[in-house]
N, C-alpha and C. Protein backbone atom coordinates (compact mmCIF):
# COMPACT_ATOMS: atom_id res chain seq x y z
N MET A 1 0.87 -1.24 0.20
CA MET A 1 0.01 -0.01 0.13
C MET A 1 1.03 1.29 0.05
N PRO A 2 0.89 2.04 -1.13
CA PRO A 2 1.74 3.22 -1.14
C PRO A 2 1.19 4.24 -0.25
N LYS A 3 2.10 5.05 0.15
CA LYS A 3 1.73 6.16 1.16
C LYS A 3 1.45 7.46 0.23
N PRO A 4 0.67 8.32 0.64
CA PRO A 4 0.62 9.69 0.06
C PRO A 4 1.78 10.38 -0.10
N PRO A 5 1.99 11.37 -0.91
CA PRO A 5 1.06 11.88 -1.81
C PRO A 5 0.60 10.95 -3.05
N TYR A 6 -0.64 11.06 -3.59
CA TYR A 6 -1.02 10.29 -4.64
C TYR A 6 -1.24 11.50 -5.68
N HIS A 7 -0.93 11.11 -6.79
CA HIS A 7 -1.04 12.21 -8.04
C HIS A 7 -1.81 11.68 -9.32
N LEU A 8 -2.60 12.64 -9.66
CA LEU A 8 -3.46 12.46 -10.82
C LEU A 8 -3.07 13.45 -11.84
N SER A 9 -2.41 13.26 -12.85
CA SER A 9 -2.04 14.17 -13.86
C SER A 9 -2.78 14.41 -14.98
N ALA A 10 -2.89 15.71 -15.48
CA ALA A 10 -3.64 16.09 -16.62
C ALA A 10 -5.03 15.65 -16.75
N VAL A 11 -5.78 15.77 -15.67
CA VAL A 11 -7.22 15.43 -15.58
C VAL A 11 -7.87 16.39 -16.29
N ARG A 12 -8.72 15.93 -17.44
CA ARG A 12 -9.39 16.83 -18.28
C ARG A 12 -10.67 16.16 -18.41
N LEU A 13 -11.64 17.07 -18.25
CA LEU A 13 -13.18 16.38 -18.33
C LEU A 13 -13.76 16.97 -19.62
N SER A 14 -14.15 15.93 -20.40
CA SER A 14 -14.65 16.21 -21.76
C SER A 14 -16.12 16.63 -21.51
N ALA A 15 -16.87 17.29 -22.61
CA ALA A 15 -18.34 17.51 -22.28
C ALA A 15 -18.99 16.32 -22.30
N ASP A 16 -18.81 15.29 -22.99
CA ASP A 16 -19.50 14.05 -22.85
C ASP A 16 -19.29 13.50 -21.43
N GLU A 17 -18.21 13.39 -20.98
CA GLU A 17 -18.03 12.70 -19.58
C GLU A 17 -18.74 13.69 -18.49
N TYR A 18 -18.62 15.03 -18.65
CA TYR A 18 -19.36 15.92 -17.78
C TYR A 18 -20.99 15.49 -17.73
N VAL A 19 -21.47 15.39 -18.86
CA VAL A 19 -22.75 15.27 -18.98
C VAL A 19 -23.19 13.90 -18.38
N ALA A 20 -22.32 12.73 -18.67
CA ALA A 20 -22.58 11.43 -18.25
C ALA A 20 -22.45 11.24 -16.80
N VAL A 21 -21.43 11.93 -16.07
CA VAL A 21 -21.26 11.81 -14.71
C VAL A 21 -22.43 12.60 -13.91
N ASN A 22 -22.83 13.76 -14.39
CA ASN A 22 -23.81 14.67 -13.86
C ASN A 22 -25.19 14.03 -14.02
N LEU A 23 -25.40 13.23 -15.18
CA LEU A 23 -26.62 12.61 -15.48
C LEU A 23 -26.81 11.47 -14.42
N ARG A 24 -25.72 10.79 -14.18
CA ARG A 24 -25.80 9.67 -13.12
C ARG A 24 -26.23 10.35 -11.76
N LEU A 25 -25.59 11.26 -11.45
CA LEU A 25 -25.79 11.88 -10.09
C LEU A 25 -27.33 12.35 -10.05
N TRP A 26 -27.77 13.08 -11.08
CA TRP A 26 -29.31 13.54 -11.14
C TRP A 26 -30.24 12.40 -10.98
N ARG A 27 -29.81 11.17 -11.93
CA ARG A 27 -30.64 10.03 -11.70
C ARG A 27 -30.81 9.38 -10.37
N ALA A 28 -29.70 9.55 -9.61
CA ALA A 28 -29.68 8.80 -8.29
C ALA A 28 -30.25 9.67 -7.08
N ARG A 29 -30.62 11.04 -7.55
CA ARG A 29 -31.18 11.86 -6.57
C ARG A 29 -32.50 11.26 -6.18
N PRO A 30 -32.97 11.22 -4.79
CA PRO A 30 -34.19 10.67 -4.35
C PRO A 30 -35.38 11.33 -5.13
N ALA A 31 -35.37 12.82 -5.29
CA ALA A 31 -36.40 13.41 -6.04
C ALA A 31 -36.54 13.08 -7.57
N THR A 32 -35.54 12.85 -8.08
CA THR A 32 -35.66 12.42 -9.55
C THR A 32 -36.12 11.11 -9.66
N ARG A 33 -35.67 10.08 -8.75
CA ARG A 33 -36.31 8.72 -8.60
C ARG A 33 -37.65 8.73 -8.26
N ARG A 34 -38.17 9.42 -7.38
CA ARG A 34 -39.65 9.61 -6.99
C ARG A 34 -40.40 10.18 -8.03
N ASN A 35 -39.89 11.12 -8.90
CA ASN A 35 -40.57 11.83 -9.88
C ASN A 35 -40.86 10.84 -11.00
N TYR A 36 -39.88 10.09 -11.26
CA TYR A 36 -39.99 9.00 -12.39
C TYR A 36 -40.81 7.71 -12.02
N ALA A 37 -40.76 7.50 -10.64
CA ALA A 37 -41.59 6.36 -10.11
C ALA A 37 -43.19 6.78 -10.30
N LEU A 38 -43.47 8.08 -9.83
CA LEU A 38 -44.94 8.52 -9.92
C LEU A 38 -45.32 8.70 -11.40
N LEU A 39 -44.29 9.09 -12.30
CA LEU A 39 -44.64 9.13 -13.80
C LEU A 39 -44.86 7.63 -14.22
N GLY A 40 -44.14 6.68 -13.66
CA GLY A 40 -44.29 5.50 -14.28
C GLY A 40 -45.70 4.91 -13.85
N VAL A 41 -46.13 5.12 -12.46
CA VAL A 41 -47.49 4.76 -12.09
C VAL A 41 -48.48 5.40 -12.65
N ALA A 42 -48.35 6.91 -13.08
CA ALA A 42 -49.41 7.33 -13.88
C ALA A 42 -49.54 6.76 -15.43
N VAL A 43 -48.37 6.50 -16.04
CA VAL A 43 -48.29 5.94 -17.32
C VAL A 43 -49.01 4.42 -17.40
N LEU A 44 -48.79 3.91 -16.31
CA LEU A 44 -49.32 2.33 -16.07
C LEU A 44 -50.90 2.63 -16.11
N LEU A 45 -51.31 3.54 -14.87
CA LEU A 45 -52.67 3.67 -14.78
C LEU A 45 -53.56 4.17 -16.00
N LEU A 46 -52.84 5.06 -16.83
CA LEU A 46 -53.51 5.49 -18.02
C LEU A 46 -53.69 4.51 -18.98
N SER A 47 -52.68 3.75 -19.15
CA SER A 47 -52.63 2.59 -20.06
C SER A 47 -53.54 1.66 -19.74
N LEU A 48 -53.76 1.37 -18.45
CA LEU A 48 -54.82 0.34 -18.01
C LEU A 48 -56.27 0.91 -18.33
N SER A 49 -56.38 2.11 -18.06
CA SER A 49 -57.82 2.88 -18.45
C SER A 49 -58.06 2.62 -19.81
N ILE A 50 -57.15 3.01 -20.70
CA ILE A 50 -57.26 2.80 -22.17
C ILE A 50 -57.63 1.38 -22.43
N GLY A 51 -56.95 0.36 -21.88
CA GLY A 51 -57.11 -1.09 -22.07
C GLY A 51 -58.51 -1.44 -21.67
N LEU A 52 -58.85 -0.96 -20.42
CA LEU A 52 -60.17 -1.39 -19.98
C LEU A 52 -61.27 -0.67 -20.90
N ASP A 53 -61.02 0.48 -21.28
CA ASP A 53 -62.05 1.10 -22.13
C ASP A 53 -62.24 0.46 -23.58
N LEU A 54 -61.04 0.05 -24.14
CA LEU A 54 -61.13 -0.75 -25.31
C LEU A 54 -61.73 -2.15 -25.15
N TRP A 55 -61.56 -2.85 -24.08
CA TRP A 55 -62.02 -4.01 -23.64
C TRP A 55 -63.74 -3.99 -23.45
N GLN A 56 -64.06 -3.01 -22.64
CA GLN A 56 -65.40 -2.73 -22.45
C GLN A 56 -66.38 -2.24 -23.62
N ASN A 57 -65.66 -1.37 -24.47
CA ASN A 57 -66.45 -0.62 -25.47
C ASN A 57 -66.00 -0.91 -26.95
N SER A 58 -64.81 -1.77 -27.09
CA SER A 58 -64.35 -2.14 -28.34
C SER A 58 -63.80 -0.80 -29.17
N ARG A 59 -63.77 0.19 -28.63
CA ARG A 59 -63.16 1.44 -28.97
C ARG A 59 -63.02 2.47 -27.94
N PRO A 60 -62.16 3.29 -28.26
CA PRO A 60 -61.89 4.25 -27.01
C PRO A 60 -63.08 5.38 -26.98
N GLU A 61 -63.39 5.52 -25.75
CA GLU A 61 -64.66 6.40 -25.41
C GLU A 61 -63.98 7.62 -24.95
N ARG A 62 -62.98 7.80 -24.08
CA ARG A 62 -62.40 9.08 -23.77
C ARG A 62 -61.11 9.31 -24.28
N THR A 63 -61.14 10.20 -25.25
CA THR A 63 -59.80 10.56 -25.95
C THR A 63 -58.85 11.41 -25.09
N SER A 64 -59.46 11.84 -23.77
CA SER A 64 -58.74 12.82 -23.00
C SER A 64 -57.61 11.83 -22.42
N THR A 65 -57.99 10.63 -22.21
CA THR A 65 -57.03 9.56 -21.52
C THR A 65 -55.72 9.44 -22.45
N PHE A 66 -56.07 9.35 -23.75
CA PHE A 66 -54.91 9.26 -24.84
C PHE A 66 -54.02 10.67 -24.66
N ILE A 67 -54.73 11.67 -24.65
CA ILE A 67 -53.91 12.88 -24.49
C ILE A 67 -53.23 13.07 -23.15
N PHE A 68 -53.70 12.66 -22.01
CA PHE A 68 -52.83 12.51 -20.90
C PHE A 68 -51.81 11.63 -20.81
N LEU A 69 -52.00 10.41 -21.39
CA LEU A 69 -50.86 9.42 -21.74
C LEU A 69 -49.75 10.02 -22.56
N GLY A 70 -50.07 10.62 -23.59
CA GLY A 70 -49.08 11.28 -24.57
C GLY A 70 -48.27 12.31 -23.91
N VAL A 71 -48.98 13.18 -22.99
CA VAL A 71 -48.34 14.24 -22.38
C VAL A 71 -47.25 13.66 -21.39
N ALA A 72 -47.80 12.61 -20.54
CA ALA A 72 -46.88 11.92 -19.61
C ALA A 72 -45.62 11.25 -20.36
N VAL A 73 -45.72 10.67 -21.38
CA VAL A 73 -44.63 10.08 -22.10
C VAL A 73 -43.85 11.14 -22.57
N LEU A 74 -44.18 11.98 -23.29
CA LEU A 74 -43.60 13.28 -23.82
C LEU A 74 -42.82 13.93 -22.71
N TYR A 75 -43.43 14.19 -21.55
CA TYR A 75 -42.68 14.79 -20.29
C TYR A 75 -41.53 13.81 -19.91
N GLY A 76 -41.76 12.70 -19.72
CA GLY A 76 -40.57 11.67 -19.43
C GLY A 76 -39.46 11.81 -20.33
N LEU A 77 -39.64 11.72 -21.67
CA LEU A 77 -38.61 11.69 -22.57
C LEU A 77 -37.99 13.17 -22.55
N SER A 78 -38.88 14.30 -22.62
CA SER A 78 -38.20 15.61 -22.80
C SER A 78 -37.52 15.87 -21.61
N ARG A 79 -37.77 15.62 -20.31
CA ARG A 79 -37.18 15.85 -19.22
C ARG A 79 -35.85 15.53 -19.15
N ALA A 80 -35.46 14.29 -19.49
CA ALA A 80 -33.98 13.71 -19.65
C ALA A 80 -33.15 14.56 -20.59
N ALA A 81 -33.97 14.79 -21.91
CA ALA A 81 -33.14 15.61 -23.05
C ALA A 81 -32.86 16.95 -22.40
N LEU A 82 -33.75 17.50 -21.82
CA LEU A 82 -33.63 18.91 -21.22
C LEU A 82 -32.43 18.99 -20.34
N MET A 83 -32.38 17.89 -19.45
CA MET A 83 -31.23 18.00 -18.61
C MET A 83 -30.07 17.83 -19.30
N ARG A 84 -29.90 16.93 -20.22
CA ARG A 84 -28.60 16.68 -21.07
C ARG A 84 -28.37 18.07 -21.72
N TRP A 85 -29.33 18.95 -22.24
CA TRP A 85 -28.83 20.17 -22.91
C TRP A 85 -28.40 21.23 -21.86
N GLN A 86 -28.98 21.08 -20.73
CA GLN A 86 -28.61 22.22 -19.65
C GLN A 86 -27.26 21.82 -19.25
N LEU A 87 -26.84 20.63 -19.08
CA LEU A 87 -25.69 20.36 -18.61
C LEU A 87 -24.48 20.34 -19.63
N ARG A 88 -24.80 20.23 -21.02
CA ARG A 88 -23.84 20.60 -22.01
C ARG A 88 -23.61 22.06 -21.99
N ARG A 89 -24.83 22.88 -21.88
CA ARG A 89 -24.68 24.35 -22.00
C ARG A 89 -23.87 24.85 -20.74
N GLY A 90 -24.00 24.13 -19.64
CA GLY A 90 -23.27 24.67 -18.38
C GLY A 90 -21.79 24.43 -18.50
N TYR A 91 -21.39 23.23 -19.20
CA TYR A 91 -20.07 22.95 -19.28
C TYR A 91 -19.38 23.87 -20.35
N THR A 92 -19.91 24.15 -21.42
CA THR A 92 -19.40 25.25 -22.32
C THR A 92 -19.21 26.54 -21.70
N ARG A 93 -20.01 26.94 -20.70
CA ARG A 93 -19.97 28.25 -20.18
C ARG A 93 -18.98 28.22 -18.98
N ASN A 94 -18.47 27.13 -18.65
CA ASN A 94 -17.53 27.06 -17.56
C ASN A 94 -16.10 26.49 -18.04
N ALA A 95 -15.12 27.58 -18.40
CA ALA A 95 -13.98 27.37 -18.91
C ALA A 95 -13.07 26.54 -18.05
N GLY A 96 -13.24 26.74 -16.70
CA GLY A 96 -12.51 26.07 -15.74
C GLY A 96 -12.49 24.53 -15.82
N LEU A 97 -13.68 24.05 -16.16
CA LEU A 97 -13.85 22.50 -16.49
C LEU A 97 -13.07 22.05 -17.58
N GLN A 98 -12.82 22.87 -18.42
CA GLN A 98 -12.02 22.61 -19.76
C GLN A 98 -10.73 22.47 -19.70
N GLN A 99 -10.23 22.94 -18.58
CA GLN A 99 -8.66 22.95 -18.58
C GLN A 99 -8.07 21.67 -17.91
N PRO A 100 -6.88 21.37 -18.25
CA PRO A 100 -6.21 20.18 -17.65
C PRO A 100 -5.88 20.45 -16.19
N LEU A 101 -6.05 19.69 -15.18
CA LEU A 101 -5.70 19.90 -13.83
C LEU A 101 -4.84 18.70 -13.33
N ASP A 102 -3.88 19.12 -12.59
CA ASP A 102 -3.05 18.11 -12.02
C ASP A 102 -3.56 18.19 -10.34
N PHE A 103 -3.77 16.91 -9.86
CA PHE A 103 -4.04 16.93 -8.40
C PHE A 103 -3.03 16.07 -7.60
N ARG A 104 -2.75 16.68 -6.38
CA ARG A 104 -1.88 16.01 -5.56
C ARG A 104 -2.79 15.66 -4.16
N LEU A 105 -2.83 14.45 -3.73
CA LEU A 105 -3.50 14.12 -2.58
C LEU A 105 -2.45 13.71 -1.47
N THR A 106 -2.26 14.75 -0.52
CA THR A 106 -1.32 14.54 0.63
C THR A 106 -2.08 14.06 1.71
N ASN A 107 -1.43 13.82 2.76
CA ASN A 107 -1.96 13.46 4.05
C ASN A 107 -2.79 14.49 4.63
N SER A 108 -2.63 15.64 4.28
CA SER A 108 -3.33 16.77 4.98
C SER A 108 -4.32 17.49 4.00
N GLU A 109 -4.26 17.30 2.60
CA GLU A 109 -5.03 18.30 1.76
C GLU A 109 -5.01 17.67 0.31
N ILE A 110 -5.89 18.24 -0.41
CA ILE A 110 -5.98 17.94 -1.96
C ILE A 110 -5.51 19.33 -2.61
N ILE A 111 -4.45 19.34 -3.39
CA ILE A 111 -3.95 20.34 -4.07
C ILE A 111 -3.91 20.10 -5.54
N GLY A 112 -4.71 21.25 -6.26
CA GLY A 112 -4.82 21.26 -7.59
C GLY A 112 -4.02 22.35 -8.13
N ARG A 113 -3.71 21.98 -9.39
CA ARG A 113 -2.78 23.04 -10.21
C ARG A 113 -3.43 23.11 -11.55
N SER A 114 -3.71 24.34 -12.29
CA SER A 114 -3.99 24.43 -13.55
C SER A 114 -3.34 25.52 -14.07
N PRO A 115 -3.49 25.64 -15.57
CA PRO A 115 -2.75 26.87 -16.02
C PRO A 115 -3.11 28.22 -15.46
N GLN A 116 -4.34 28.27 -14.74
CA GLN A 116 -4.90 29.32 -14.31
C GLN A 116 -4.43 29.69 -12.79
N GLY A 117 -3.74 28.62 -12.26
CA GLY A 117 -3.30 28.87 -10.82
C GLY A 117 -3.49 27.55 -9.95
N GLN A 118 -3.26 27.71 -8.59
CA GLN A 118 -3.32 26.63 -7.63
C GLN A 118 -4.42 26.76 -6.74
N PHE A 119 -5.02 25.79 -6.26
CA PHE A 119 -5.90 25.65 -5.13
C PHE A 119 -5.69 24.53 -4.19
N SER A 120 -6.38 24.64 -2.94
CA SER A 120 -6.23 23.56 -2.15
C SER A 120 -7.36 23.53 -1.20
N SER A 121 -7.61 22.31 -0.62
CA SER A 121 -8.55 22.26 0.56
C SER A 121 -8.00 21.17 1.45
N LYS A 122 -8.28 21.65 2.75
CA LYS A 122 -7.72 20.59 3.76
C LYS A 122 -8.71 19.47 3.70
N TRP A 123 -8.54 18.24 4.14
CA TRP A 123 -9.29 17.10 4.22
C TRP A 123 -10.66 17.36 4.99
N PRO A 124 -10.54 17.87 6.26
CA PRO A 124 -11.68 18.11 7.14
C PRO A 124 -12.61 19.10 6.46
N GLN A 125 -12.21 20.04 5.43
CA GLN A 125 -13.09 20.94 4.82
C GLN A 125 -14.00 20.32 3.88
N LEU A 126 -13.61 19.13 3.46
CA LEU A 126 -14.39 18.43 2.37
C LEU A 126 -15.90 17.96 3.07
N LYS A 127 -16.97 18.29 2.32
CA LYS A 127 -18.25 17.85 2.60
C LYS A 127 -18.59 16.38 2.45
N ARG A 128 -18.19 15.91 1.28
CA ARG A 128 -18.28 14.52 0.95
C ARG A 128 -17.45 14.22 -0.20
N ALA A 129 -17.50 12.81 -0.40
CA ALA A 129 -16.73 12.24 -1.56
C ALA A 129 -17.85 11.36 -2.42
N VAL A 130 -17.90 11.57 -3.69
CA VAL A 130 -19.00 10.71 -4.35
C VAL A 130 -18.14 10.00 -5.45
N TRP A 131 -18.19 8.63 -5.32
CA TRP A 131 -17.56 7.80 -6.31
C TRP A 131 -18.60 7.43 -7.48
N VAL A 132 -18.41 7.93 -8.80
CA VAL A 132 -19.18 7.80 -9.90
C VAL A 132 -18.68 6.75 -10.90
N GLY A 133 -19.39 5.57 -10.78
CA GLY A 133 -18.91 4.43 -11.58
C GLY A 133 -17.51 4.04 -11.19
N THR A 134 -16.61 3.64 -12.21
CA THR A 134 -15.42 3.24 -11.83
C THR A 134 -14.28 4.16 -12.11
N ASP A 135 -14.56 5.40 -12.84
CA ASP A 135 -13.68 6.24 -13.33
C ASP A 135 -13.57 7.55 -12.58
N TRP A 136 -14.59 7.94 -11.88
CA TRP A 136 -14.58 9.36 -11.38
C TRP A 136 -14.85 9.43 -9.95
N LEU A 137 -14.20 10.26 -9.29
CA LEU A 137 -14.32 10.64 -7.87
C LEU A 137 -14.51 12.11 -7.95
N LEU A 138 -15.73 12.47 -7.08
CA LEU A 138 -16.10 13.95 -7.06
C LEU A 138 -15.80 14.37 -5.52
N LEU A 139 -15.09 15.32 -5.29
CA LEU A 139 -14.87 15.78 -4.07
C LEU A 139 -15.32 17.10 -3.80
N TYR A 140 -16.31 17.26 -2.86
CA TYR A 140 -17.00 18.42 -2.63
C TYR A 140 -16.45 19.42 -1.40
N PRO A 141 -15.76 20.51 -1.67
CA PRO A 141 -15.47 21.21 -0.71
C PRO A 141 -16.60 22.12 -0.26
N THR A 142 -17.72 22.40 -1.21
CA THR A 142 -18.82 23.07 -0.66
C THR A 142 -19.88 22.16 -1.20
N GLU A 143 -21.39 22.30 -0.81
CA GLU A 143 -22.39 21.39 -1.18
C GLU A 143 -22.60 21.54 -2.80
N THR A 144 -22.27 22.70 -3.49
CA THR A 144 -22.64 22.89 -4.92
C THR A 144 -21.64 22.80 -5.87
N ALA A 145 -20.28 22.74 -5.26
CA ALA A 145 -18.99 22.64 -6.24
C ALA A 145 -18.19 21.48 -5.84
N CYS A 146 -17.36 20.94 -6.92
CA CYS A 146 -16.66 19.72 -6.50
C CYS A 146 -15.57 19.74 -7.48
N TYR A 147 -14.52 18.97 -7.12
CA TYR A 147 -13.42 18.60 -7.93
C TYR A 147 -13.72 17.29 -8.66
N TYR A 148 -13.49 17.20 -9.91
CA TYR A 148 -13.68 16.05 -10.63
C TYR A 148 -12.36 15.35 -10.99
N LEU A 149 -12.22 14.04 -10.11
CA LEU A 149 -10.93 13.58 -10.26
C LEU A 149 -11.20 12.19 -11.07
N ASP A 150 -10.40 12.05 -12.28
CA ASP A 150 -10.44 11.05 -13.08
C ASP A 150 -9.47 9.88 -12.70
N LEU A 151 -10.03 8.90 -12.08
CA LEU A 151 -9.19 7.87 -11.41
C LEU A 151 -8.38 7.03 -12.41
N ARG A 152 -8.69 7.21 -13.70
CA ARG A 152 -7.87 6.58 -14.86
C ARG A 152 -6.40 7.32 -14.90
N GLN A 153 -6.41 8.58 -14.24
CA GLN A 153 -5.14 9.38 -14.13
C GLN A 153 -4.30 9.11 -12.94
N LEU A 154 -4.82 8.25 -12.17
CA LEU A 154 -3.97 8.05 -10.91
C LEU A 154 -2.87 7.40 -11.13
N GLN A 155 -1.79 7.93 -10.64
CA GLN A 155 -0.33 7.26 -11.09
C GLN A 155 -0.02 6.08 -10.09
N PRO A 156 0.35 5.03 -10.70
CA PRO A 156 0.88 3.85 -10.01
C PRO A 156 1.93 4.30 -9.15
N PRO A 157 2.08 3.44 -8.07
CA PRO A 157 1.23 2.19 -7.65
C PRO A 157 0.06 2.62 -6.80
N ALA A 158 -0.32 3.85 -6.70
CA ALA A 158 -1.52 4.15 -6.11
C ALA A 158 -2.91 3.64 -6.69
N THR A 159 -3.82 3.22 -6.04
CA THR A 159 -4.98 2.65 -6.42
C THR A 159 -6.19 3.50 -5.97
N PRO A 160 -7.35 3.34 -6.57
CA PRO A 160 -8.64 3.94 -5.90
C PRO A 160 -8.93 3.49 -4.47
N ALA A 161 -8.57 2.27 -4.14
CA ALA A 161 -8.64 1.76 -2.74
C ALA A 161 -7.74 2.56 -1.79
N ASP A 162 -6.60 2.99 -2.19
CA ASP A 162 -5.65 3.86 -1.45
C ASP A 162 -6.28 5.11 -1.16
N VAL A 163 -6.92 5.66 -2.23
CA VAL A 163 -7.71 7.06 -2.17
C VAL A 163 -8.80 7.10 -1.10
N ALA A 164 -9.46 5.96 -1.36
CA ALA A 164 -10.75 5.56 -0.31
C ALA A 164 -10.21 5.51 1.11
N ARG A 165 -9.08 4.88 1.40
CA ARG A 165 -8.64 4.68 2.72
C ARG A 165 -8.18 6.17 3.15
N LEU A 166 -7.55 6.87 2.35
CA LEU A 166 -7.13 8.34 2.75
C LEU A 166 -8.39 9.15 3.17
N LEU A 167 -9.40 8.94 2.46
CA LEU A 167 -10.73 9.78 2.58
C LEU A 167 -11.23 9.24 3.99
N ALA A 168 -11.26 7.99 4.17
CA ALA A 168 -11.79 7.42 5.41
C ALA A 168 -10.89 7.96 6.56
N GLN A 169 -9.67 7.74 6.47
CA GLN A 169 -8.72 8.24 7.46
C GLN A 169 -9.12 9.81 7.96
N HIS A 170 -9.54 10.48 7.11
CA HIS A 170 -10.08 11.98 7.46
C HIS A 170 -11.48 11.94 7.56
N ALA A 171 -12.14 11.00 7.74
CA ALA A 171 -13.70 10.87 7.88
C ALA A 171 -14.50 11.72 6.85
N VAL A 172 -13.95 11.71 5.78
CA VAL A 172 -14.84 12.29 4.74
C VAL A 172 -15.84 11.41 4.28
N PRO A 173 -17.13 11.70 4.39
CA PRO A 173 -18.21 10.83 3.96
C PRO A 173 -18.16 10.44 2.69
N GLN A 174 -18.33 9.07 2.21
CA GLN A 174 -18.29 8.63 0.91
C GLN A 174 -19.40 7.89 0.56
N GLN A 175 -19.75 8.06 -0.75
CA GLN A 175 -20.89 7.18 -1.21
C GLN A 175 -20.61 6.87 -2.73
N ARG A 176 -21.37 5.87 -3.33
CA ARG A 176 -21.06 5.35 -4.47
C ARG A 176 -22.45 5.64 -5.29
N VAL A 177 -22.20 6.43 -6.66
CA VAL A 177 -23.36 6.34 -7.47
C VAL A 177 -23.01 5.81 -8.85
N GLY A 178 -23.79 4.79 -9.23
CA GLY A 178 -23.62 4.16 -10.52
C GLY A 178 -22.36 3.13 -10.37
N GLY A 179 -22.40 2.21 -11.15
CA GLY A 179 -21.38 1.14 -11.35
C GLY A 179 -21.38 0.14 -10.26
N GLY A 180 -22.43 0.31 -9.29
CA GLY A 180 -22.70 -0.79 -8.49
C GLY A 180 -21.46 -1.16 -7.67
N GLY A 181 -21.62 -2.10 -6.85
CA GLY A 181 -20.55 -2.60 -6.07
C GLY A 181 -20.33 -1.83 -4.77
N ASN A 182 -19.35 -2.07 -3.90
CA ASN A 182 -18.88 -1.40 -2.73
C ASN A 182 -17.96 -0.17 -3.15
N LEU A 183 -17.74 0.60 -2.22
CA LEU A 183 -16.53 1.65 -2.27
C LEU A 183 -15.26 0.93 -2.49
N PRO A 184 -14.23 1.66 -3.35
CA PRO A 184 -12.94 0.84 -3.33
C PRO A 184 -12.15 0.52 -1.94
N GLY A 185 -11.82 -0.56 -1.71
CA GLY A 185 -11.09 -0.91 -0.54
C GLY A 185 -12.09 -1.45 0.40
N SER A 186 -13.21 -1.48 0.15
CA SER A 186 -14.21 -2.06 1.36
C SER A 186 -14.48 -3.56 0.84
N ASP A 187 -14.32 -4.29 1.93
CA ASP A 187 -14.76 -5.84 1.63
C ASP A 187 -13.76 -6.40 0.58
N GLY A 188 -12.48 -5.94 0.59
CA GLY A 188 -11.55 -6.29 -0.49
C GLY A 188 -11.82 -5.95 -1.85
N VAL A 189 -12.81 -5.17 -2.17
CA VAL A 189 -13.10 -4.70 -3.51
C VAL A 189 -12.43 -3.50 -3.89
N ALA A 190 -11.49 -3.48 -4.89
CA ALA A 190 -10.79 -2.37 -5.40
C ALA A 190 -11.32 -1.94 -6.59
């Protein structure tokens, strides 16, 4: 097990990766899941109503049910498309996301360097860490902003499990979104 500092060099977040990572976060939110569950129940009930209407009358009696079903399906499809569009627009407006960053994870802090300068955060200042799939770790110094760490850029011999242990050592709350499984380093899973 290598000791810190751990290095991630030239981390660059493409527009497609930004959209994919943030869509996973959005889909995992309880409010989004609840919204889609309610939408699914509404579509099911409207479909059953149309089926029952056809079975009883051999033709549709209430065209308003078709309209409500169409609106529900259109809403479900357009909501995800709108979210993708908003994320892509947000990415293009944020030049900082498009710059390569070098990260150094030490025993006391995370340090980032870009062509625009340097920043750092002490581990106790981090609100949480979110593992997105197997490739991305998001570290939140505030509730609304994060550092995007591309774990594919983690310099050997360090591993994601080493980073997870460093976060745990500093009591940074960790969670996993997408990709299934446990956090790196827990239960022997890396």
